[in-house]
PDB file of N, CA and C in Angstrom:
ATOM      1  N   UNK A   1       0.759  -1.302  -0.209  1.00  0.00           N
ATOM      2  CA  UNK A   1      -0.107   0.021  -0.172  1.00  0.00           C
ATOM      3  C   UNK A   1       0.676   1.106   0.119  1.00  0.00           C
ATOM      4  N   UNK A   2       0.545   1.971  -0.724  1.00  0.00           N
ATOM      5  CA  UNK A   2       1.166   3.449  -0.835  1.00  0.00           C
ATOM      6  C   UNK A   2       1.161   4.393   0.123  1.00  0.00           C
ATOM      7  N   UNK A   3       2.261   5.144   1.083  1.00  0.00           N
ATOM      8  CA  UNK A   3       1.649   5.838   2.230  1.00  0.00           C
ATOM      9  C   UNK A   3       1.190   7.170   1.619  1.00  0.00           C
ATOM     10  N   UNK A   4       0.590   7.362   2.516  1.00  0.00           N
ATOM     11  CA  UNK A   4      -0.308   8.928   2.052  1.00  0.00           C
ATOM     12  C   UNK A   4       0.758   9.998   2.388  1.00  0.00           C
ATOM     13  N   UNK A   5       1.026  11.298   1.432  1.00  0.00           N
ATOM     14  CA  UNK A   5       1.967  11.919   1.672  1.00  0.00           C
ATOM     15  C   UNK A   5       1.695  13.387   1.817  1.00  0.00           C
ATOM     16  N   UNK A   6       2.035  14.130   2.504  1.00  0.00           N
ATOM     17  CA  UNK A   6       1.864  15.778   2.780  1.00  0.00           C
ATOM     18  C   UNK A   6       2.602  16.188   2.407  1.00  0.00           C
ATOM     19  N   UNK A   7       2.514  17.344   1.395  1.00  0.00           N
ATOM     20  CA  UNK A   7       3.487  18.236   0.933  1.00  0.00           C
ATOM     21  C   UNK A   7       3.010  19.348   1.861  1.00  0.00           C
ATOM     22  N   UNK A   8       4.602  19.545   2.505  1.00  0.00           N
ATOM     23  CA  UNK A   8       4.834  20.871   3.721  1.00  0.00           C
ATOM     24  C   UNK A   8       5.677  21.517   3.534  1.00  0.00           C
ATOM     25  N   UNK A   9       5.322  22.818   3.832  1.00  0.00           N
ATOM     26  CA  UNK A   9       6.884  23.560   3.609  1.00  0.00           C
ATOM     27  C   UNK A   9       7.596  23.408   4.447  1.00  0.00           C
ATOM     28  N   UNK A  10       9.212  22.965   4.421  1.00  0.00           N
ATOM     29  CA  UNK A  10      10.263  23.097   5.566  1.00  0.00           C
ATOM     30  C   UNK A  10      11.376  24.009   5.558  1.00  0.00           C
ATOM     31  N   UNK A  11      10.717  24.720   4.674  1.00  0.00           N
ATOM     32  CA  UNK A  11      11.591  26.402   5.008  1.00  0.00           C
ATOM     33  C   UNK A  11      11.060  27.629   4.071  1.00  0.00           C
ATOM     34  N   UNK A  12      10.574  28.475   4.902  1.00  0.00           N
ATOM     35  CA  UNK A  12       9.609  29.657   4.438  1.00  0.00           C
ATOM     36  C   UNK A  12      10.149  30.961   4.402  1.00  0.00           C
ATOM     37  N   UNK A  13      10.256  31.960   3.525  1.00  0.00           N
ATOM     38  CA  UNK A  13      10.405  33.245   3.731  1.00  0.00           C
ATOM     39  C   UNK A  13       8.696  34.182   3.552  1.00  0.00           C
ATOM     40  N   UNK A  14       8.707  34.825   4.787  1.00  0.00           N
ATOM     41  CA  UNK A  14       7.144  35.568   4.899  1.00  0.00           C
ATOM     42  C   UNK A  14       7.757  37.089   5.060  1.00  0.00           C
ATOM     43  N   UNK A  15       7.094  37.681   4.420  1.00  0.00           N
ATOM     44  CA  UNK A  15       6.827  39.273   4.353  1.00  0.00           C
ATOM     45  C   UNK A  15       5.719  40.125   4.714  1.00  0.00           C
ATOM     46  N   UNK A  16       5.358  40.743   5.387  1.00  0.00           N
ATOM     47  CA  UNK A  16       3.946  41.685   5.992  1.00  0.00           C
ATOM     48  C   UNK A  16       3.990  42.185   5.005  1.00  0.00           C
ATOM     49  N   UNK A  17       2.816  42.186   3.769  1.00  0.00           N
ATOM     50  CA  UNK A  17       1.779  42.733   3.039  1.00  0.00           C
ATOM     51  C   UNK A  17       0.754  43.158   3.739  1.00  0.00           C
ATOM     52  N   UNK A  18       0.400  44.349   3.543  1.00  0.00           N
ATOM     53  CA  UNK A  18      -0.711  45.225   4.098  1.00  0.00           C
ATOM     54  C   UNK A  18      -1.319  44.687   5.310  1.00  0.00           C
ATOM     55  N   UNK A  19      -0.047  44.482   6.673  1.00  0.00           N
ATOM     56  CA  UNK A  19      -0.522  43.575   7.775  1.00  0.00           C
ATOM     57  C   UNK A  19      -0.585  42.610   8.524  1.00  0.00           C
ATOM     58  N   UNK A  20      -0.508  41.398   7.269  1.00  0.00           N
ATOM     59  CA  UNK A  20      -0.647  40.547   7.106  1.00  0.00           C
ATOM     60  C   UNK A  20       0.901  39.595   6.772  1.00  0.00           C
ATOM     61  N   UNK A  21       1.080  38.395   7.017  1.00  0.00           N
ATOM     62  CA  UNK A  21       2.257  37.604   6.820  1.00  0.00           C
ATOM     63  C   UNK A  21       1.990  37.140   5.710  1.00  0.00           C
ATOM     64  N   UNK A  22       2.780  36.962   4.607  1.00  0.00           N
ATOM     65  CA  UNK A  22       2.260  36.351   3.628  1.00  0.00           C
ATOM     66  C   UNK A  22       3.683  35.681   2.831  1.00  0.00           C
ATOM     67  N   UNK A  23       3.644  34.206   2.765  1.00  0.00           N
ATOM     68  CA  UNK A  23       4.592  33.541   2.143  1.00  0.00           C
ATOM     69  C   UNK A  23       5.064  33.756   1.080  1.00  0.00           C
ATOM     70  N   UNK A  24       6.235  34.114   0.481  1.00  0.00           N
ATOM     71  CA  UNK A  24       6.921  34.814  -0.651  1.00  0.00           C
ATOM     72  C   UNK A  24       7.629  33.964  -1.052  1.00  0.00           C
ATOM     73  N   UNK A  25       8.369  32.779  -0.645  1.00  0.00           N
ATOM     74  CA  UNK A  25       9.159  31.477  -0.985  1.00  0.00           C
ATOM     75  C   UNK A  25       9.077  30.469  -0.125  1.00  0.00           C
ATOM     76  N   UNK A  26       9.173  29.221  -0.475  1.00  0.00           N
ATOM     77  CA  UNK A  26       8.986  28.430   0.439  1.00  0.00           C
ATOM     78  C   UNK A  26       9.985  27.101  -0.508  1.00  0.00           C
ATOM     79  N   UNK A  27      10.449  25.981   0.699  1.00  0.00           N
ATOM     80  CA  UNK A  27      11.252  25.063   0.403  1.00  0.00           C
ATOM     81  C   UNK A  27      10.082  23.608   0.668  1.00  0.00           C
ATOM     82  N   UNK A  28       9.400  23.132  -0.165  1.00  0.00           N
ATOM     83  CA  UNK A  28       8.729  22.241   0.194  1.00  0.00           C
ATOM     84  C   UNK A  28       9.296  20.581   0.139  1.00  0.00           C
ATOM     85  N   UNK A  29       8.678  19.797   0.590  1.00  0.00           N
ATOM     86  CA  UNK A  29       8.781  18.233   0.835  1.00  0.00           C
ATOM     87  C   UNK A  29       7.692  17.399   1.310  1.00  0.00           C
ATOM     88  N   UNK A  30       7.765  16.389   0.259  1.00  0.00           N
ATOM     89  CA  UNK A  30       6.661  14.809   0.543  1.00  0.00           C
ATOM     90  C   UNK A  30       7.257  14.339   1.798  1.00  0.00           C
ATOM     91  N   UNK A  31       6.138  14.291   2.535  1.00  0.00           N
ATOM     92  CA  UNK A  31       6.870  13.559   4.195  1.00  0.00           C
ATOM     93  C   UNK A  31       5.732  12.790   4.430  1.00  0.00           C
ATOM     94  N   UNK A  32       5.674  11.587   4.566  1.00  0.00           N
ATOM     95  CA  UNK A  32       4.518  10.322   4.478  1.00  0.00           C
ATOM     96  C   UNK A  32       3.471  10.928   6.067  1.00  0.00           C
ATOM     97  N   UNK A  33       2.563  10.394   5.772  1.00  0.00           N
ATOM     98  CA  UNK A  33       1.427  11.490   7.098  1.00  0.00           C
ATOM     99  C   UNK A  33       2.012  10.307   8.157  1.00  0.00           C
ATOM    100  N   UNK A  34       2.117   8.979   8.222  1.00  0.00           N
ATOM    101  CA  UNK A  34       2.415   8.344   9.236  1.00  0.00           C
ATOM    102  C   UNK A  34       3.554   9.125  10.348  1.00  0.00           C
ATOM    103  N   UNK A  35       4.967   9.459   9.404  1.00  0.00           N
ATOM    104  CA  UNK A  35       6.127   9.810  10.000  1.00  0.00           C
ATOM    105  C   UNK A  35       5.704  11.149  10.618  1.00  0.00           C
ATOM    106  N   UNK A  36       4.724  12.154  10.152  1.00  0.00           N
ATOM    107  CA  UNK A  36       4.727  13.354  11.013  1.00  0.00           C
ATOM    108  C   UNK A  36       3.365  12.795  12.540  1.00  0.00           C
ATOM    109  N   UNK A  37       2.493  11.879  12.129  1.00  0.00           N
ATOM    110  CA  UNK A  37       1.612  11.355  13.133  1.00  0.00           C
ATOM    111  C   UNK A  37       2.826  11.065  14.371  1.00  0.00           C
ATOM    112  N   UNK A  38       3.678   9.975  14.033  1.00  0.00           N
ATOM    113  CA  UNK A  38       4.628   9.140  14.795  1.00  0.00           C
ATOM    114  C   UNK A  38       5.441  10.376  15.591  1.00  0.00           C
ATOM    115  N   UNK A  39       5.721  11.346  14.725  1.00  0.00           N
ATOM    116  CA  UNK A  39       6.746  12.808  15.585  1.00  0.00           C
ATOM    117  C   UNK A  39       5.729  13.262  16.449  1.00  0.00           C
ATOM    118  N   UNK A  40       4.459  13.472  16.247  1.00  0.00           N
ATOM    119  CA  UNK A  40       3.866  14.558  16.860  1.00  0.00           C
ATOM    120  C   UNK A  40       3.534  13.620  18.264  1.00  0.00           C
ATOM    121  N   UNK A  41       3.140  12.175  18.196  1.00  0.00           N
ATOM    122  CA  UNK A  41       3.165  11.222  19.243  1.00  0.00           C
ATOM    123  C   UNK A  41       4.277  11.565  20.319  1.00  0.00           C
ATOM    124  N   UNK A  42       5.031  11.396  19.787  1.00  0.00           N
ATOM    125  CA  UNK A  42       6.687  11.177  20.752  1.00  0.00           C
ATOM    126  C   UNK A  42       6.954  12.201  21.149  1.00  0.00           C
ATOM    127  N   UNK A  43       6.600  13.439  20.760  1.00  0.00           N
ATOM    128  CA  UNK A  43       6.563  14.998  21.568  1.00  0.00           C
ATOM    129  C   UNK A  43       5.543  15.071  22.105  1.00  0.00           C
ATOM    130  N   UNK A  44       4.418  15.258  21.837  1.00  0.00           N
ATOM    131  CA  UNK A  44       3.031  15.368  22.845  1.00  0.00           C
ATOM    132  C   UNK A  44       2.754  14.202  23.791  1.00  0.00           C
ATOM    133  N   UNK A  45       2.739  13.078  23.461  1.00  0.00           N
ATOM    134  CA  UNK A  45       2.700  11.943  24.537  1.00  0.00           C
ATOM    135  C   UNK A  45       1.601  11.283  23.696  1.00  0.00           C
ATOM    136  N   UNK A  46       1.023   9.578  23.918  1.00  0.00           N
ATOM    137  CA  UNK A  46       0.015   9.214  23.074  1.00  0.00           C
ATOM    138  C   UNK A  46      -1.445   9.793  24.259  1.00  0.00           C
ATOM    139  N   UNK A  47      -2.373   9.826  23.112  1.00  0.00           N
ATOM    140  CA  UNK A  47      -3.510  10.431  23.697  1.00  0.00           C
ATOM    141  C   UNK A  47      -3.743  12.142  24.436  1.00  0.00           C
ATOM    142  N   UNK A  48      -2.642  12.611  23.737  1.00  0.00           N
ATOM    143  CA  UNK A  48      -2.589  14.163  24.058  1.00  0.00           C
ATOM    144  C   UNK A  48      -3.912  14.946  23.784  1.00  0.00           C
ATOM    145  N   UNK A  49      -4.722  14.298  22.682  1.00  0.00           N
ATOM    146  CA  UNK A  49      -5.987  15.075  22.534  1.00  0.00           C
ATOM    147  C   UNK A  49      -6.951  14.814  23.819  1.00  0.00           C
ATOM    148  N   UNK A  50      -6.965  13.522  24.791  1.00  0.00           N
ATOM    149  CA  UNK A  50      -7.737  13.432  25.529  1.00  0.00           C
ATOM    150  C   UNK A  50      -7.036  14.557  26.905  1.00  0.00           C
ATOM    151  N   UNK A  51      -6.062  14.321  27.296  1.00  0.00           N
ATOM    152  CA  UNK A  51      -5.574  15.422  27.868  1.00  0.00           C
ATOM    153  C   UNK A  51      -5.891  16.973  27.777  1.00  0.00           C
ATOM    154  N   UNK A  52      -5.540  17.439  26.648  1.00  0.00           N
ATOM    155  CA  UNK A  52      -6.452  18.741  26.281  1.00  0.00           C
ATOM    156  C   UNK A  52      -7.710  18.937  26.219  1.00  0.00           C
ATOM    157  N   UNK A  53      -8.197  17.917  25.930  1.00  0.00           N
ATOM    158  CA  UNK A  53      -9.895  17.916  26.910  1.00  0.00           C
ATOM    159  C   UNK A  53     -10.433  17.823  27.726  1.00  0.00           C
ATOM    160  N   UNK A  54      -9.337  17.224  28.402  1.00  0.00           N
ATOM    161  CA  UNK A  54      -9.620  17.705  30.122  1.00  0.00           C
ATOM    162  C   UNK A  54      -9.723  18.814  30.331  1.00  0.00           C
ATOM    163  N   UNK A  55      -8.633  19.426  29.888  1.00  0.00           N
ATOM    164  CA  UNK A  55      -7.830  20.910  30.707  1.00  0.00           C
ATOM    165  C   UNK A  55      -8.761  21.801  30.040  1.00  0.00           C
ATOM    166  N   UNK A  56      -9.815  21.830  29.334  1.00  0.00           N
ATOM    167  CA  UNK A  56     -10.379  22.582  28.646  1.00  0.00           C
ATOM    168  C   UNK A  56     -11.743  22.554  29.566  1.00  0.00           C
ATOM    169  N   UNK A  57     -12.404  21.613  30.347  1.00  0.00           N
ATOM    170  CA  UNK A  57     -13.335  21.654  30.925  1.00  0.00           C
ATOM    171  C   UNK A  57     -12.791  22.190  32.756  1.00  0.00           C
TER     172      UNK A  57
END
């Protein structure tokens, strides 16, 4: 099965135009969605969304 890919900017340059940040150039990479999910779980911990929900109540 082909992995799902996410095209994300890994380096970008922004300029303020009319008071808003606008991306004017970027270097993009196709990164597997599973790798992004694994990174988030490692950094935030498993079930982080449940902990966040509890903190909001």
